[in-house]
Protein backbone atom coordinates (compact mmCIF):
# COMPACT_ATOMS: atom_id res chain seq x y z
CA MET A 1 6.17 19.45 11.18
CA ASN A 2 2.84 20.55 12.50
CA PRO A 3 -0.23 19.93 10.29
CA ILE A 4 -0.44 23.56 9.16
CA ARG A 5 3.16 23.63 7.98
CA ARG A 6 2.86 20.20 6.41
CA TYR A 7 -0.11 21.21 4.28
CA ALA A 8 1.69 24.31 3.05
CA VAL A 9 4.60 22.18 1.84
CA ILE A 10 2.30 19.74 0.06
CA ALA A 11 0.51 22.66 -1.59
CA VAL A 12 3.80 23.46 -3.34
CA SER A 13 3.03 20.68 -5.75
CA SER A 14 -0.75 20.75 -5.60
CA GLY A 15 -1.04 24.01 -7.51
CA VAL A 16 -3.90 25.40 -5.43
CA ALA A 17 -4.24 28.21 -2.94
CA VAL A 18 -6.19 27.21 0.13
CA ALA A 19 -6.40 28.13 3.76
CA SER A 20 -3.61 26.67 5.87
CA LEU A 21 -6.01 24.37 7.68
CA ALA A 22 -7.38 22.80 4.50
CA LEU A 23 -7.87 19.07 4.61
CA PRO A 24 -8.95 16.45 2.10
CA CYS A 25 -12.51 15.20 2.15
CA LEU A 26 -12.50 11.68 3.55
CA ILE A 27 -15.26 9.42 2.30
CA SER A 28 -17.40 8.08 5.10
CA ILE A 29 -16.70 4.65 6.49
CA SER A 30 -20.10 3.37 5.38
CA ALA A 31 -19.57 4.59 1.81
CA ALA A 32 -16.05 3.21 1.63
CA SER A 33 -17.15 -0.22 2.79
CA ALA A 34 -20.32 -0.42 0.72
CA LYS A 35 -18.64 -2.64 -1.88
CA THR A 36 -16.35 -5.47 -0.88
CA PRO A 37 -13.12 -5.50 -2.94
CA PRO A 38 -12.55 -8.70 -4.92
CA THR A 39 -9.06 -9.30 -3.57
CA THR A 40 -7.28 -9.10 -0.23
CA THR A 41 -3.67 -8.57 0.78
CA THR A 42 -1.37 -8.80 3.77
CA ASN A 43 1.05 -6.29 2.23
CA ALA A 44 1.07 -2.91 3.98
CA SER A 45 1.66 -0.77 0.87
CA ALA A 46 -0.96 -2.67 -1.15
CA ALA A 47 -3.50 -2.22 1.65
CA ALA A 48 -2.74 1.52 1.68
CA ALA A 49 -3.20 1.65 -2.10
CA GLY A 50 -6.54 -0.12 -1.79
CA PHE A 51 -7.71 2.43 0.75
CA LEU A 52 -6.61 5.27 -1.53
CA ALA A 53 -8.47 3.76 -4.47
CA ARG A 54 -11.71 3.51 -2.54
CA GLN A 55 -11.47 7.15 -1.45
CA LEU A 56 -11.43 8.51 -5.02
CA GLN A 57 -14.35 10.84 -5.65
CA GLY A 58 -16.33 12.31 -8.52
CA LYS A 59 -18.65 10.66 -11.02
CA HIS A 60 -15.91 8.36 -12.25
CA HIS A 61 -14.07 7.98 -8.93
CA ASP A 62 -10.90 9.52 -10.33
CA HIS A 63 -9.79 12.41 -8.09
CA TYR A 64 -9.83 13.83 -4.57
CA ILE A 65 -11.70 16.82 -3.25
CA GLY A 66 -10.33 18.93 -0.42
CA SER A 67 -12.16 21.33 1.84
CA TYR A 68 -11.30 24.33 3.99
CA SER A 69 -12.95 26.94 6.14
CA CYS A 70 -13.62 30.00 4.02
CA GLY A 71 -16.25 31.87 6.02
CA THR A 72 -16.07 34.18 9.00
CA ALA A 73 -16.43 33.59 12.71
CA LYS A 74 -20.03 34.76 12.54
CA LYS A 75 -20.83 32.95 9.29
CA PRO A 76 -18.80 29.73 9.08
CA LYS A 77 -18.54 28.28 5.60
CA THR A 78 -16.77 25.33 4.02
CA CYS A 79 -15.31 25.58 0.53
CA THR A 80 -14.02 22.73 -1.60
CA PHE A 81 -11.40 22.36 -4.31
CA ILE A 82 -10.00 19.65 -6.58
CA ASN A 83 -6.81 18.37 -4.98
CA TYR A 84 -4.72 17.55 -8.04
CA GLY A 85 -1.47 17.20 -6.09
CA GLU A 86 -2.90 14.67 -3.68
CA THR A 87 -4.41 12.74 -6.59
CA ALA A 88 -0.97 12.57 -8.20
CA ASP A 89 0.61 11.39 -4.93
CA ALA A 90 -1.99 8.62 -4.65
CA ILE A 91 -1.29 7.40 -8.17
CA LEU A 92 2.41 7.15 -7.32
CA SER A 93 1.60 5.20 -4.15
CA MET A 94 -0.62 2.80 -6.12
CA ASP A 95 2.15 2.30 -8.67
CA ALA A 96 4.74 1.81 -5.94
CA ALA A 97 2.57 -0.87 -4.32
CA GLY A 98 2.11 -2.67 -7.64
CA VAL A 99 -1.70 -2.74 -7.39
CA ALA A 100 -4.83 -0.68 -8.12
CA GLN A 101 -4.03 0.05 -11.75
CA ALA A 102 -7.68 0.41 -12.75
CA PRO A 103 -8.22 3.40 -10.42
CA ALA A 104 -4.68 4.70 -11.04
CA THR A 105 -5.36 4.79 -14.78
CA ARG A 106 -8.66 6.61 -14.23
CA ALA A 107 -6.97 9.16 -11.99
CA THR A 108 -4.15 9.69 -14.49
CA SER A 109 -6.70 10.31 -17.25
CA TYR A 110 -8.44 12.82 -15.00
CA LEU A 111 -5.16 14.70 -14.48
CA GLU A 112 -4.58 14.70 -18.23
CA LYS A 113 -8.04 16.15 -18.87
CA ASN A 114 -7.45 18.87 -16.28
CA VAL A 115 -3.74 19.42 -16.76
CA LYS A 116 -4.02 23.16 -17.38
CA SER A 117 -6.12 23.67 -14.28
CA TYR A 118 -3.25 22.16 -12.30
CA VAL A 119 -0.05 23.41 -13.93
CA GLY A 120 -1.36 26.70 -15.35
CA ALA A 121 -3.07 27.65 -18.58
CA THR A 122 -0.19 29.61 -20.14
CA GLU A 123 3.58 29.92 -19.86
CA ASP A 124 3.16 32.97 -17.65
CA SER A 125 1.24 30.94 -15.09
CA TYR A 126 3.05 27.60 -15.15
CA SER A 127 3.80 26.09 -11.74
CA PRO A 128 7.12 24.19 -11.82
CA GLY A 129 6.29 22.08 -8.77
CA ALA A 130 3.02 20.92 -10.31
CA ILE A 131 4.70 20.21 -13.65
CA GLY A 132 7.45 18.22 -11.92
CA LYS A 133 4.93 16.08 -10.04
CA LEU A 134 2.92 15.40 -13.20
CA MET A 135 6.12 14.39 -14.96
CA LEU A 136 6.74 11.78 -12.25
CA VAL A 137 3.18 10.48 -12.71
CA ALA A 138 3.58 10.38 -16.50
CA GLU A 139 6.84 8.46 -16.20
CA ALA A 140 5.43 5.97 -13.71
CA GLN A 141 2.24 5.51 -15.75
CA HIS A 142 4.07 5.36 -19.12
CA VAL A 143 2.30 8.40 -20.52
CA SER A 144 4.13 10.66 -22.95
CA LEU A 145 5.91 13.63 -21.35
CA SER A 146 5.56 15.57 -24.58
CA SER A 147 1.80 15.09 -24.78
CA PHE A 148 0.26 14.85 -21.33
CA GLY A 149 -3.33 15.89 -21.92
CA GLY A 150 -2.12 17.89 -24.90
CA VAL A 151 0.59 19.70 -22.91
CA ASN A 152 4.29 19.18 -23.56
CA LEU A 153 5.53 18.95 -19.97
CA LEU A 154 9.17 19.12 -21.08
CA LYS A 155 8.61 22.43 -22.86
CA ALA A 156 6.45 23.65 -19.99
CA ILE A 157 9.14 23.11 -17.38
CA SER A 158 11.75 24.65 -19.67
CA ALA A 159 9.56 27.74 -19.97
CA THR A 160 9.78 28.30 -16.20
CA GLU A 161 13.57 28.15 -15.91
CA GLY A 162 15.50 31.39 -15.44
CA VAL A 163 12.64 33.65 -16.54
CA ARG A 164 11.00 36.80 -15.16
CA GLY A 165 14.05 37.88 -13.20
CA ALA A 166 14.83 34.44 -11.79
CA SER A 167 18.39 33.33 -11.16
CA PRO A 168 20.04 31.11 -13.79
CA GLY A 169 18.71 27.60 -13.31
CA GLU A 170 15.88 28.63 -11.00
CA TYR A 171 12.44 27.29 -11.82
CA GLN A 172 10.14 30.23 -11.49
CA GLN A 173 6.43 30.82 -11.58
CA ASN A 174 4.55 34.02 -12.09
CA ALA A 175 4.45 36.12 -8.91
CA ALA A 176 0.99 37.45 -9.66
CA GLY A 177 -2.16 36.06 -11.14
CA THR A 178 -1.54 32.39 -10.36
CA PRO A 179 -3.32 30.37 -7.66
CA ASP A 180 -0.13 29.46 -5.80
CA ASN A 181 1.87 32.69 -6.04
CA PHE A 182 2.58 32.49 -2.28
CA LEU A 183 4.83 29.48 -3.10
CA PHE A 184 7.06 31.64 -5.26
CA PHE A 185 10.45 30.55 -3.90
CA SER A 186 10.06 26.92 -2.88
CA THR A 187 12.75 24.27 -2.45
CA VAL A 188 10.24 21.57 -3.39
CA SER A 189 9.26 23.38 -6.60
CA GLN A 190 12.94 23.42 -7.56
CA ALA A 191 13.57 19.80 -6.56
CA LEU A 192 10.59 18.10 -8.26
CA PRO A 193 11.44 19.20 -11.84
CA ILE A 194 15.09 18.20 -11.36
CA LEU A 195 14.03 14.82 -10.01
CA ALA A 196 11.54 14.23 -12.82
CA LEU A 197 13.97 15.28 -15.56
CA ALA A 198 16.72 13.08 -14.13
CA ASP A 199 14.23 10.20 -13.90
CA SER A 200 13.42 10.44 -17.60
CA ALA A 201 14.95 7.74 -19.79
CA ALA A 202 15.84 10.18 -22.57
CA ASP A 203 19.34 11.65 -22.41
CA ASP A 204 18.21 14.95 -23.89
CA THR A 205 15.74 15.59 -21.05
CA GLN A 206 18.23 15.57 -18.19
CA PRO A 207 18.25 18.63 -15.88
CA ASP A 208 20.86 21.15 -16.92
CA ALA A 209 23.81 22.03 -14.74
CA ALA A 210 22.41 25.46 -13.88
CA ALA A 211 19.23 24.01 -12.34
CA VAL A 212 21.17 21.49 -10.26
CA SER A 213 23.71 24.13 -9.19
CA PHE A 214 20.93 26.46 -8.10
CA LEU A 215 19.47 23.75 -5.87
CA VAL A 216 22.91 22.89 -4.46
CA ALA A 217 23.47 26.57 -3.65
CA GLN A 218 20.38 26.55 -1.43
CA GLN A 219 21.86 23.97 0.92
CA CYS A 220 22.67 25.10 4.43
CA ALA A 221 26.10 24.45 5.92
CA ASP A 222 24.86 21.46 7.90
CA GLY A 223 23.33 19.81 4.81
CA GLY A 224 19.67 20.63 5.37
CA TYR A 225 17.31 22.68 3.21
CA PRO A 226 14.84 25.42 4.17
CA SER A 227 11.34 25.42 2.73
CA GLN A 228 11.77 28.72 0.93
CA LEU A 229 14.56 29.34 -1.59
CA LEU A 230 17.06 32.11 -1.05
CA THR A 231 16.67 34.88 -3.59
CA ASP A 232 20.39 35.61 -3.11
CA THR A 233 22.33 32.35 -3.11
CA ALA A 234 25.44 34.17 -1.93
CA ALA A 235 23.70 34.94 1.35
CA ALA A 236 24.03 32.68 4.36
CA CYS A 237 21.31 30.12 4.96
CA THR A 238 19.52 31.53 7.98
CA ALA A 239 16.03 30.01 7.63
CA GLY A 240 15.25 26.86 9.57
CA GLU A 241 15.64 23.66 7.59
CA ASP A 242 12.87 21.09 7.49
CA VAL A 243 12.57 17.37 6.75
CA ASP A 244 10.21 17.67 3.79
CA SER A 245 12.30 20.15 1.81
CA THR A 246 15.51 18.27 2.58
CA GLY A 247 13.92 14.93 1.64
CA TYR A 248 12.76 16.18 -1.75
CA ALA A 249 16.07 17.94 -2.39
CA ALA A 250 18.06 14.83 -1.46
CA GLN A 251 16.05 12.70 -3.91
CA ALA A 252 16.55 15.25 -6.69
CA LEU A 253 20.29 15.56 -6.04
CA LEU A 254 20.71 11.78 -5.94
CA ALA A 255 18.89 11.41 -9.24
CA ALA A 256 21.02 14.15 -10.77
CA GLY A 257 24.24 12.57 -9.50
CA SER A 258 25.22 15.46 -7.21
CA GLN A 259 27.50 14.75 -4.23
CA ALA A 260 25.56 17.37 -2.26
CA SER A 261 22.97 14.64 -1.79
CA GLN A 262 25.18 12.92 0.79
CA GLN A 263 25.13 15.93 3.12
CA ALA A 264 21.36 16.14 2.79
CA LEU A 265 21.00 12.44 3.63
CA SER A 266 23.26 12.81 6.65
CA TRP A 267 21.16 15.75 7.83
CA LEU A 268 18.02 13.62 7.55
CA ALA A 269 19.61 10.74 9.46
CA LYS A 270 20.59 13.11 12.27
CA HIS A 271 17.08 14.54 12.49
CA GLU A 272 15.21 11.29 13.02
CA ASN A 273 13.22 11.61 16.22
CA ALA A 274 13.74 9.29 19.16
CA ASP A 275 10.47 7.50 18.34
CA GLY A 276 11.70 6.72 14.81
CA GLY A 277 9.52 9.26 13.04
CA PHE A 278 10.43 12.50 11.29
CA GLY A 279 8.97 16.00 11.59
CA LYS A 280 8.05 18.31 14.46
CA PRO A 281 6.27 16.38 15.84
CA SER A 282 6.69 13.04 14.07
CA ASN A 283 4.09 12.67 11.30
CA ALA A 284 3.42 10.28 8.46
CA ASN A 285 4.05 12.67 5.57
CA SER A 286 7.44 13.91 6.75
CA THR A 287 8.44 10.37 7.72
CA ALA A 288 7.40 9.07 4.29
CA ILE A 289 9.48 11.65 2.43
CA ALA A 290 12.48 10.95 4.66
CA ILE A 291 12.15 7.20 4.08
CA GLU A 292 12.05 7.71 0.30
CA ALA A 293 15.21 9.81 0.37
CA LEU A 294 17.11 7.51 2.72
CA VAL A 295 16.17 4.39 0.75
CA ALA A 296 17.29 6.09 -2.47
CA GLY A 297 20.61 6.83 -0.77
CA HIS A 298 20.90 3.28 0.61
CA ARG A 299 20.65 4.44 4.22
CA LEU A 300 18.93 2.61 7.08
CA VAL A 301 15.20 3.18 7.56
CA ARG A 302 14.20 0.38 9.94
CA LYS A 303 13.04 2.59 12.83
CA ALA A 304 11.20 4.97 10.51
CA THR A 305 9.46 2.09 8.77
CA VAL A 306 8.37 0.64 12.11
CA TRP A 307 7.02 4.07 13.11
CA ILE A 308 4.95 4.52 9.97
CA MET A 309 3.62 0.96 9.99
CA ALA A 310 2.48 1.48 13.57
CA ARG A 311 0.21 4.29 12.27
CA GLN A 312 -1.50 2.09 9.70
CA LEU A 313 -5.01 0.93 10.55
CA ARG A 314 -5.07 -2.85 10.55
CA CYS A 315 -7.61 -5.58 11.34
CA ASN A 316 -8.81 -4.03 14.60
CA ALA A 317 -10.19 -1.04 12.63
CA LYS A 318 -13.48 -0.91 10.76
CA PRO A 319 -13.28 -2.51 7.29
CA GLY A 320 -13.76 0.72 5.35
CA VAL A 321 -10.64 2.39 6.77
CA ARG A 322 -8.22 -0.53 6.98
CA GLY A 323 -4.97 0.27 5.22
CA ALA A 324 -5.16 4.00 5.94
CA VAL A 325 -2.21 5.69 7.66
CA LYS A 326 -2.80 8.21 10.42
CA PHE A 327 -1.03 11.57 10.10
CA GLU A 328 0.09 11.37 13.72
CA ASN A 329 -1.79 9.28 16.26
CA LYS A 330 -5.44 10.08 15.60
CA PHE A 331 -7.55 8.90 12.67
CA ASP A 332 -9.37 11.78 11.00
CA SER A 333 -9.66 13.41 7.59
CA SER A 334 -5.89 14.01 7.51
CA ALA A 335 -5.40 10.26 7.01
CA LEU A 336 -6.10 10.52 3.28
CA LEU A 337 -3.39 13.14 2.88
CA ALA A 338 -1.00 11.04 4.96
CA THR A 339 -1.72 7.78 3.14
CA SER A 340 -1.30 9.34 -0.32
CA GLN A 341 2.42 9.73 0.40
CA ALA A 342 2.94 7.04 3.03
CA GLY A 343 1.90 4.30 0.59
CA ALA A 344 5.05 4.71 -1.49
CA ALA A 345 7.21 4.74 1.63
CA LEU A 346 5.59 1.53 2.87
CA ALA A 347 6.67 -0.01 -0.45
CA LEU A 348 10.20 1.36 0.14
CA ARG A 349 10.05 3.08 -3.25
CA PRO A 350 11.68 6.50 -3.68
CA LEU A 351 9.98 8.74 -6.22
CA SER A 352 12.57 7.98 -8.93
CA TRP A 353 12.05 4.21 -8.56
CA ILE A 354 8.28 4.17 -9.00
CA ASP A 355 6.92 2.43 -12.10
CA LYS A 356 3.66 0.64 -12.82
CA ASN A 357 5.36 -2.29 -14.59
CA GLY A 358 3.90 -5.57 -13.40
CA ALA A 359 1.18 -3.92 -11.32
CA SER A 360 -2.19 -5.63 -10.96
CA SER A 361 -5.52 -4.00 -11.75
CA ALA A 362 -7.42 -4.70 -8.54
CA ALA A 363 -7.44 -2.50 -5.44
CA PRO A 364 -7.07 -5.01 -2.57
CA ALA A 365 -8.39 -4.75 0.96
CA LEU A 366 -6.41 -5.80 4.00
CA LYS A 367 -6.79 -9.50 4.70
CA CYS A 368 -8.05 -10.17 8.24
């Protein structure tokens, strides 16, 4: 995927509407290295988690801020926004690495305090992708699904299923009046709630058959998934499939016990690039999602892991950025976005396997 397409997919679960070229704000090298972390590590995923922890912003260092060009050609202007989705991804990467629980806990508390700003203030504005991602965070962080910042995430996701003209089992969000209405029919927004519900320990919170069947019906004949859902599931799949959508769908189908997951995994395996990466061109986010899905399905990921590790800044980089993962081959502000998802892949932890149990508090720096 190219960077523009990649950001649009990630925005499915970020719950914000931004320009397609929006990027996270990366803290300067000097600021990031101002304080020396108390611990060091040689572990790639732990080093990534440490970098993510030191990039947290705000008064309490508990969230990320993104920016995008919102002016005109004659009057350039930069606007900012709270990137809730990226903050959630980073928490999951910290949990997957088994470190950085002090910052992960702060970030989780921040998401709880601002839950309605992320998922929607009322049932009519709920975003199923955002709810699904918060459910994964709550499960990994051992926070109640029924009272996440005062919101019952289980009831919230139920309120989006099959409503406002949606197909049976389809997770739907309001087509007007919500920040992310342009993500109305998204494969990822269907997959994340299914994955989170299947990941829950309680038997009565499992995804219902209609939701799983609706996701299965979106699958193209060759096993891949397009980014946008078909409004008519009886129609042929004509849109181009992509790695990100297929990777999320495969993880959801695996968690739900659907055999359709095997076709999705085979599609992913066939679409690994010659260099070992995934995406068009190979990039860290698409490769990370593919690794998560393939690991969950017990498929080989050696080449993909080598590719993503080769993009991690190691001891030859400046101290403040060590552990970061480049989106492609150049280090810039996109590295924060890339690392927020690549960290979990470096730990070889699919989304349904992530749990903070046994994690340490400190955010380590790469040992050199």
